[in-house]
């Protein structure tokens, strides 16, 4: 049973019941806008340090605490 179709050119669905259309909301832009500022250009921080994995005390891995979290 098919209720509607998606038009990739316009980014819109057609033939859907009104209830379904209200769930989807208004049509969005096809192309994603570029960011105004690239945060990696203005933030001199190593991203790997921000991705700390927290493990329980019984873990066989020893994850060091990054310096920016260790100092007061």
PDB file of N, CA and C in Angstrom:
ATOM      1  N   UNK A   1       0.853  -1.173   0.000  1.00  0.00           N
ATOM      2  CA  UNK A   1       0.000   0.000   0.000  1.00  0.00           C
ATOM      3  C   UNK A   1       0.899   1.237   0.000  1.00  0.00           C
ATOM      4  N   UNK A   2       0.750   2.069  -0.994  1.00  0.00           N
ATOM      5  CA  UNK A   2       1.590   3.250  -1.125  1.00  0.00           C
ATOM      6  C   UNK A   2       0.728   4.495  -0.955  1.00  0.00           C
ATOM      7  N   UNK A   3       1.172   5.396  -0.061  1.00  0.00           N
ATOM      8  CA  UNK A   3       0.388   6.591   0.215  1.00  0.00           C
ATOM      9  C   UNK A   3       0.922   7.838  -0.460  1.00  0.00           C
ATOM     10  N   UNK A   4       2.198   7.887  -0.727  1.00  0.00           N
ATOM     11  CA  UNK A   4       2.740   9.106  -1.295  1.00  0.00           C
ATOM     12  C   UNK A   4       4.066   8.867  -1.968  1.00  0.00           C
ATOM     13  N   UNK A   5       4.597   9.946  -2.515  1.00  0.00           N
ATOM     14  CA  UNK A   5       5.881   9.876  -3.201  1.00  0.00           C
ATOM     15  C   UNK A   5       6.763  11.015  -2.722  1.00  0.00           C
ATOM     16  N   UNK A   6       8.059  10.812  -2.859  1.00  0.00           N
ATOM     17  CA  UNK A   6       9.035  11.844  -2.513  1.00  0.00           C
ATOM     18  C   UNK A   6       9.686  12.338  -3.791  1.00  0.00           C
ATOM     19  N   UNK A   7       9.694  13.643  -3.980  1.00  0.00           N
ATOM     20  CA  UNK A   7      10.340  14.253  -5.142  1.00  0.00           C
ATOM     21  C   UNK A   7      11.688  14.792  -4.697  1.00  0.00           C
ATOM     22  N   UNK A   8      12.770  14.119  -5.083  1.00  0.00           N
ATOM     23  CA  UNK A   8      14.119  14.522  -4.662  1.00  0.00           C
ATOM     24  C   UNK A   8      14.508  15.876  -5.241  1.00  0.00           C
ATOM     25  N   UNK A   9      13.941  16.236  -6.373  1.00  0.00           N
ATOM     26  CA  UNK A   9      14.272  17.520  -6.992  1.00  0.00           C
ATOM     27  C   UNK A   9      13.739  18.691  -6.158  1.00  0.00           C
ATOM     28  N   UNK A  10      12.508  18.576  -5.662  1.00  0.00           N
ATOM     29  CA  UNK A  10      11.913  19.661  -4.879  1.00  0.00           C
ATOM     30  C   UNK A  10      12.063  19.447  -3.380  1.00  0.00           C
ATOM     31  N   UNK A  11      12.339  18.195  -2.956  1.00  0.00           N
ATOM     32  CA  UNK A  11      12.460  17.901  -1.531  1.00  0.00           C
ATOM     33  C   UNK A  11      11.124  17.817  -0.827  1.00  0.00           C
ATOM     34  N   UNK A  12      10.057  17.537  -1.576  1.00  0.00           N
ATOM     35  CA  UNK A  12       8.720  17.501  -0.987  1.00  0.00           C
ATOM     36  C   UNK A  12       8.064  16.143  -1.200  1.00  0.00           C
ATOM     37  N   UNK A  13       7.152  15.807  -0.266  1.00  0.00           N
ATOM     38  CA  UNK A  13       6.332  14.609  -0.396  1.00  0.00           C
ATOM     39  C   UNK A  13       4.991  15.016  -1.000  1.00  0.00           C
ATOM     40  N   UNK A  14       4.436  14.156  -1.842  1.00  0.00           N
ATOM     41  CA  UNK A  14       3.123  14.417  -2.423  1.00  0.00           C
ATOM     42  C   UNK A  14       2.227  13.218  -2.185  1.00  0.00           C
ATOM     43  N   UNK A  15       0.928  13.474  -2.055  1.00  0.00           N
ATOM     44  CA  UNK A  15      -0.044  12.402  -1.919  1.00  0.00           C
ATOM     45  C   UNK A  15      -0.166  11.817  -0.526  1.00  0.00           C
ATOM     46  N   UNK A  16       0.373  12.474   0.482  1.00  0.00           N
ATOM     47  CA  UNK A  16       0.281  11.958   1.847  1.00  0.00           C
ATOM     48  C   UNK A  16      -0.998  12.449   2.516  1.00  0.00           C
ATOM     49  N   UNK A  17      -1.556  11.666   3.453  1.00  0.00           N
ATOM     50  CA  UNK A  17      -2.683  12.159   4.245  1.00  0.00           C
ATOM     51  C   UNK A  17      -2.264  13.400   5.048  1.00  0.00           C
ATOM     52  N   UNK A  18      -3.235  14.265   5.372  1.00  0.00           N
ATOM     53  CA  UNK A  18      -2.932  15.514   6.086  1.00  0.00           C
ATOM     54  C   UNK A  18      -2.240  15.256   7.425  1.00  0.00           C
ATOM     55  N   UNK A  19      -2.613  14.185   8.114  1.00  0.00           N
ATOM     56  CA  UNK A  19      -1.987  13.870   9.398  1.00  0.00           C
ATOM     57  C   UNK A  19      -0.495  13.595   9.220  1.00  0.00           C
ATOM     58  N   UNK A  20      -0.130  12.905   8.169  1.00  0.00           N
ATOM     59  CA  UNK A  20       1.277  12.594   7.908  1.00  0.00           C
ATOM     60  C   UNK A  20       2.034  13.851   7.508  1.00  0.00           C
ATOM     61  N   UNK A  21       1.395  14.703   6.702  1.00  0.00           N
ATOM     62  CA  UNK A  21       2.039  15.952   6.298  1.00  0.00           C
ATOM     63  C   UNK A  21       2.354  16.815   7.515  1.00  0.00           C
ATOM     64  N   UNK A  22       1.441  16.830   8.497  1.00  0.00           N
ATOM     65  CA  UNK A  22       1.676  17.647   9.690  1.00  0.00           C
ATOM     66  C   UNK A  22       2.833  17.095  10.520  1.00  0.00           C
ATOM     67  N   UNK A  23       3.055  15.774  10.492  1.00  0.00           N
ATOM     68  CA  UNK A  23       4.192  15.192  11.211  1.00  0.00           C
ATOM     69  C   UNK A  23       5.517  15.568  10.565  1.00  0.00           C
ATOM     70  N   UNK A  24       5.530  15.671   9.241  1.00  0.00           N
ATOM     71  CA  UNK A  24       6.762  16.013   8.526  1.00  0.00           C
ATOM     72  C   UNK A  24       7.108  17.486   8.652  1.00  0.00           C
ATOM     73  N   UNK A  25       6.106  18.328   8.816  1.00  0.00           N
ATOM     74  CA  UNK A  25       6.361  19.757   8.922  1.00  0.00           C
ATOM     75  C   UNK A  25       6.600  20.388   7.566  1.00  0.00           C
ATOM     76  N   UNK A  26       6.984  21.662   7.576  1.00  0.00           N
ATOM     77  CA  UNK A  26       7.212  22.354   6.304  1.00  0.00           C
ATOM     78  C   UNK A  26       8.427  21.790   5.578  1.00  0.00           C
ATOM     79  N   UNK A  27       8.467  21.932   4.253  1.00  0.00           N
ATOM     80  CA  UNK A  27       9.619  21.420   3.494  1.00  0.00           C
ATOM     81  C   UNK A  27      10.903  22.136   3.881  1.00  0.00           C
ATOM     82  N   UNK A  28      11.997  21.391   3.879  1.00  0.00           N
ATOM     83  CA  UNK A  28      13.304  21.948   4.223  1.00  0.00           C
ATOM     84  C   UNK A  28      14.102  22.200   2.956  1.00  0.00           C
ATOM     85  N   UNK A  29      15.156  22.942   3.117  1.00  0.00           N
ATOM     86  CA  UNK A  29      16.032  23.230   1.988  1.00  0.00           C
ATOM     87  C   UNK A  29      16.751  21.956   1.560  1.00  0.00           C
ATOM     88  N   UNK A  30      16.911  21.765   0.269  1.00  0.00           N
ATOM     89  CA  UNK A  30      17.607  20.593  -0.264  1.00  0.00           C
ATOM     90  C   UNK A  30      19.089  20.655   0.091  1.00  0.00           C
ATOM     91  N   UNK A  31      19.686  21.813  -0.091  1.00  0.00           N
ATOM     92  CA  UNK A  31      21.121  21.940   0.180  1.00  0.00           C
ATOM     93  C   UNK A  31      21.338  22.435   1.604  1.00  0.00           C
ATOM     94  N   UNK A  32      22.243  21.818   2.281  1.00  0.00           N
ATOM     95  CA  UNK A  32      22.555  22.207   3.650  1.00  0.00           C
ATOM     96  C   UNK A  32      23.441  23.449   3.613  1.00  0.00           C
ATOM     97  N   UNK A  33      23.083  24.479   4.373  1.00  0.00           N
ATOM     98  CA  UNK A  33      23.912  25.691   4.357  1.00  0.00           C
ATOM     99  C   UNK A  33      25.279  25.448   4.982  1.00  0.00           C
ATOM    100  N   UNK A  34      26.267  26.162   4.477  1.00  0.00           N
ATOM    101  CA  UNK A  34      27.616  26.048   5.029  1.00  0.00           C
ATOM    102  C   UNK A  34      27.670  26.783   6.361  1.00  0.00           C
ATOM    103  N   UNK A  35      28.467  26.301   7.309  1.00  0.00           N
ATOM    104  CA  UNK A  35      28.587  26.994   8.591  1.00  0.00           C
ATOM    105  C   UNK A  35      29.236  28.362   8.412  1.00  0.00           C
ATOM    106  N   UNK A  36      28.876  29.290   9.282  1.00  0.00           N
ATOM    107  CA  UNK A  36      29.442  30.634   9.217  1.00  0.00           C
ATOM    108  C   UNK A  36      30.894  30.617   9.665  1.00  0.00           C
ATOM    109  N   UNK A  37      31.186  29.868  10.734  1.00  0.00           N
ATOM    110  CA  UNK A  37      32.534  29.798  11.287  1.00  0.00           C
ATOM    111  C   UNK A  37      32.901  28.336  11.491  1.00  0.00           C
ATOM    112  N   UNK A  38      34.127  27.979  11.147  1.00  0.00           N
ATOM    113  CA  UNK A  38      34.629  26.635  11.414  1.00  0.00           C
ATOM    114  C   UNK A  38      35.281  26.664  12.792  1.00  0.00           C
ATOM    115  N   UNK A  39      34.679  26.027  13.811  1.00  0.00           N
ATOM    116  CA  UNK A  39      35.217  26.101  15.168  1.00  0.00           C
ATOM    117  C   UNK A  39      36.647  25.591  15.297  1.00  0.00           C
ATOM    118  N   UNK A  40      37.051  24.661  14.437  1.00  0.00           N
ATOM    119  CA  UNK A  40      38.421  24.151  14.544  1.00  0.00           C
ATOM    120  C   UNK A  40      39.447  25.218  14.181  1.00  0.00           C
ATOM    121  N   UNK A  41      39.029  26.257  13.476  1.00  0.00           N
ATOM    122  CA  UNK A  41      39.962  27.339  13.121  1.00  0.00           C
ATOM    123  C   UNK A  41      40.206  28.295  14.283  1.00  0.00           C
ATOM    124  N   UNK A  42      39.245  28.419  15.195  1.00  0.00           N
ATOM    125  CA  UNK A  42      39.391  29.392  16.280  1.00  0.00           C
ATOM    126  C   UNK A  42      39.638  28.742  17.637  1.00  0.00           C
ATOM    127  N   UNK A  43      39.572  27.424  17.711  1.00  0.00           N
ATOM    128  CA  UNK A  43      39.749  26.726  18.984  1.00  0.00           C
ATOM    129  C   UNK A  43      40.974  25.830  18.903  1.00  0.00           C
ATOM    130  N   UNK A  44      42.107  26.262  19.469  1.00  0.00           N
ATOM    131  CA  UNK A  44      43.329  25.446  19.395  1.00  0.00           C
ATOM    132  C   UNK A  44      43.329  24.313  20.423  1.00  0.00           C
ATOM    133  N   UNK A  45      42.435  23.364  20.254  1.00  0.00           N
ATOM    134  CA  UNK A  45      42.298  22.261  21.203  1.00  0.00           C
ATOM    135  C   UNK A  45      42.387  20.950  20.436  1.00  0.00           C
ATOM    136  N   UNK A  46      43.100  20.009  20.991  1.00  0.00           N
ATOM    137  CA  UNK A  46      43.166  18.689  20.385  1.00  0.00           C
ATOM    138  C   UNK A  46      41.847  17.974  20.650  1.00  0.00           C
ATOM    139  N   UNK A  47      41.135  17.606  19.609  1.00  0.00           N
ATOM    140  CA  UNK A  47      39.822  17.000  19.751  1.00  0.00           C
ATOM    141  C   UNK A  47      39.892  15.660  20.477  1.00  0.00           C
ATOM    142  N   UNK A  48      40.963  14.919  20.321  1.00  0.00           N
ATOM    143  CA  UNK A  48      41.077  13.608  20.969  1.00  0.00           C
ATOM    144  C   UNK A  48      40.992  13.723  22.487  1.00  0.00           C
ATOM    145  N   UNK A  49      41.511  14.797  23.042  1.00  0.00           N
ATOM    146  CA  UNK A  49      41.445  14.972  24.497  1.00  0.00           C
ATOM    147  C   UNK A  49      40.020  15.204  24.972  1.00  0.00           C
ATOM    148  N   UNK A  50      39.169  15.716  24.124  1.00  0.00           N
ATOM    149  CA  UNK A  50      37.785  15.985  24.511  1.00  0.00           C
ATOM    150  C   UNK A  50      36.921  14.732  24.481  1.00  0.00           C
ATOM    151  N   UNK A  51      37.411  13.680  23.861  1.00  0.00           N
ATOM    152  CA  UNK A  51      36.632  12.454  23.731  1.00  0.00           C
ATOM    153  C   UNK A  51      37.099  11.408  24.733  1.00  0.00           C
ATOM    154  N   UNK A  52      37.073  11.749  25.994  1.00  0.00           N
ATOM    155  CA  UNK A  52      37.494  10.840  27.048  1.00  0.00           C
ATOM    156  C   UNK A  52      36.438   9.757  27.258  1.00  0.00           C
ATOM    157  N   UNK A  53      36.871   8.525  27.352  1.00  0.00           N
ATOM    158  CA  UNK A  53      35.969   7.416  27.616  1.00  0.00           C
ATOM    159  C   UNK A  53      36.005   7.133  29.113  1.00  0.00           C
ATOM    160  N   UNK A  54      34.843   7.162  29.742  1.00  0.00           N
ATOM    161  CA  UNK A  54      34.746   6.905  31.175  1.00  0.00           C
ATOM    162  C   UNK A  54      34.400   5.435  31.362  1.00  0.00           C
ATOM    163  N   UNK A  55      35.224   4.732  32.125  1.00  0.00           N
ATOM    164  CA  UNK A  55      34.995   3.310  32.385  1.00  0.00           C
ATOM    165  C   UNK A  55      34.907   3.082  33.889  1.00  0.00           C
ATOM    166  N   UNK A  56      34.271   2.001  34.254  1.00  0.00           N
ATOM    167  CA  UNK A  56      34.122   1.662  35.662  1.00  0.00           C
ATOM    168  C   UNK A  56      35.426   1.200  36.283  1.00  0.00           C
ATOM    169  N   UNK A  57      35.469   1.041  37.618  1.00  0.00           N
ATOM    170  CA  UNK A  57      36.695   0.659  38.313  1.00  0.00           C
ATOM    171  C   UNK A  57      37.182  -0.747  37.966  1.00  0.00           C
ATOM    172  N   UNK A  58      36.321  -1.600  37.444  1.00  0.00           N
ATOM    173  CA  UNK A  58      36.715  -2.965  37.107  1.00  0.00           C
ATOM    174  C   UNK A  58      37.199  -3.102  35.669  1.00  0.00           C
ATOM    175  N   UNK A  59      37.405  -1.978  34.991  1.00  0.00           N
ATOM    176  CA  UNK A  59      37.829  -2.012  33.599  1.00  0.00           C
ATOM    177  C   UNK A  59      39.278  -2.465  33.494  1.00  0.00           C
ATOM    178  N   UNK A  60      39.585  -3.217  32.438  1.00  0.00           N
ATOM    179  CA  UNK A  60      40.964  -3.642  32.229  1.00  0.00           C
ATOM    180  C   UNK A  60      41.763  -2.571  31.497  1.00  0.00           C
ATOM    181  N   UNK A  61      41.093  -1.506  31.083  1.00  0.00           N
ATOM    182  CA  UNK A  61      41.768  -0.410  30.398  1.00  0.00           C
ATOM    183  C   UNK A  61      42.029   0.722  31.384  1.00  0.00           C
ATOM    184  N   UNK A  62      43.142   1.389  31.216  1.00  0.00           N
ATOM    185  CA  UNK A  62      43.464   2.529  32.065  1.00  0.00           C
ATOM    186  C   UNK A  62      43.444   3.773  31.185  1.00  0.00           C
ATOM    187  N   UNK A  63      42.416   4.579  31.324  1.00  0.00           N
ATOM    188  CA  UNK A  63      42.278   5.781  30.515  1.00  0.00           C
ATOM    189  C   UNK A  63      42.781   6.978  31.308  1.00  0.00           C
ATOM    190  N   UNK A  64      43.842   7.643  30.846  1.00  0.00           N
ATOM    191  CA  UNK A  64      44.342   8.809  31.576  1.00  0.00           C
ATOM    192  C   UNK A  64      43.368   9.978  31.486  1.00  0.00           C
ATOM    193  N   UNK A  65      43.394  10.825  32.490  1.00  0.00           N
ATOM    194  CA  UNK A  65      42.562  12.021  32.509  1.00  0.00           C
ATOM    195  C   UNK A  65      43.272  13.108  31.707  1.00  0.00           C
ATOM    196  N   UNK A  66      42.594  13.729  30.738  1.00  0.00           N
ATOM    197  CA  UNK A  66      43.222  14.800  29.969  1.00  0.00           C
ATOM    198  C   UNK A  66      43.642  15.958  30.873  1.00  0.00           C
ATOM    199  N   UNK A  67      44.691  16.655  30.494  1.00  0.00           N
ATOM    200  CA  UNK A  67      45.232  17.739  31.314  1.00  0.00           C
ATOM    201  C   UNK A  67      44.210  18.828  31.580  1.00  0.00           C
ATOM    202  N   UNK A  68      43.395  19.167  30.599  1.00  0.00           N
ATOM    203  CA  UNK A  68      42.440  20.255  30.803  1.00  0.00           C
ATOM    204  C   UNK A  68      41.363  19.888  31.828  1.00  0.00           C
ATOM    205  N   UNK A  69      41.172  18.591  32.132  1.00  0.00           N
ATOM    206  CA  UNK A  69      40.216  18.176  33.153  1.00  0.00           C
ATOM    207  C   UNK A  69      40.892  17.917  34.497  1.00  0.00           C
ATOM    208  N   UNK A  70      42.196  17.695  34.485  1.00  0.00           N
ATOM    209  CA  UNK A  70      42.928  17.346  35.695  1.00  0.00           C
ATOM    210  C   UNK A  70      43.296  18.576  36.526  1.00  0.00           C
ATOM    211  N   UNK A  71      43.551  19.699  35.883  1.00  0.00           N
ATOM    212  CA  UNK A  71      43.985  20.886  36.621  1.00  0.00           C
ATOM    213  C   UNK A  71      42.785  21.713  37.067  1.00  0.00           C
ATOM    214  N   UNK A  72      42.908  22.421  38.216  1.00  0.00           N
ATOM    215  CA  UNK A  72      41.775  23.217  38.737  1.00  0.00           C
ATOM    216  C   UNK A  72      41.481  24.442  37.916  1.00  0.00           C
TER     217      UNK A  72
END
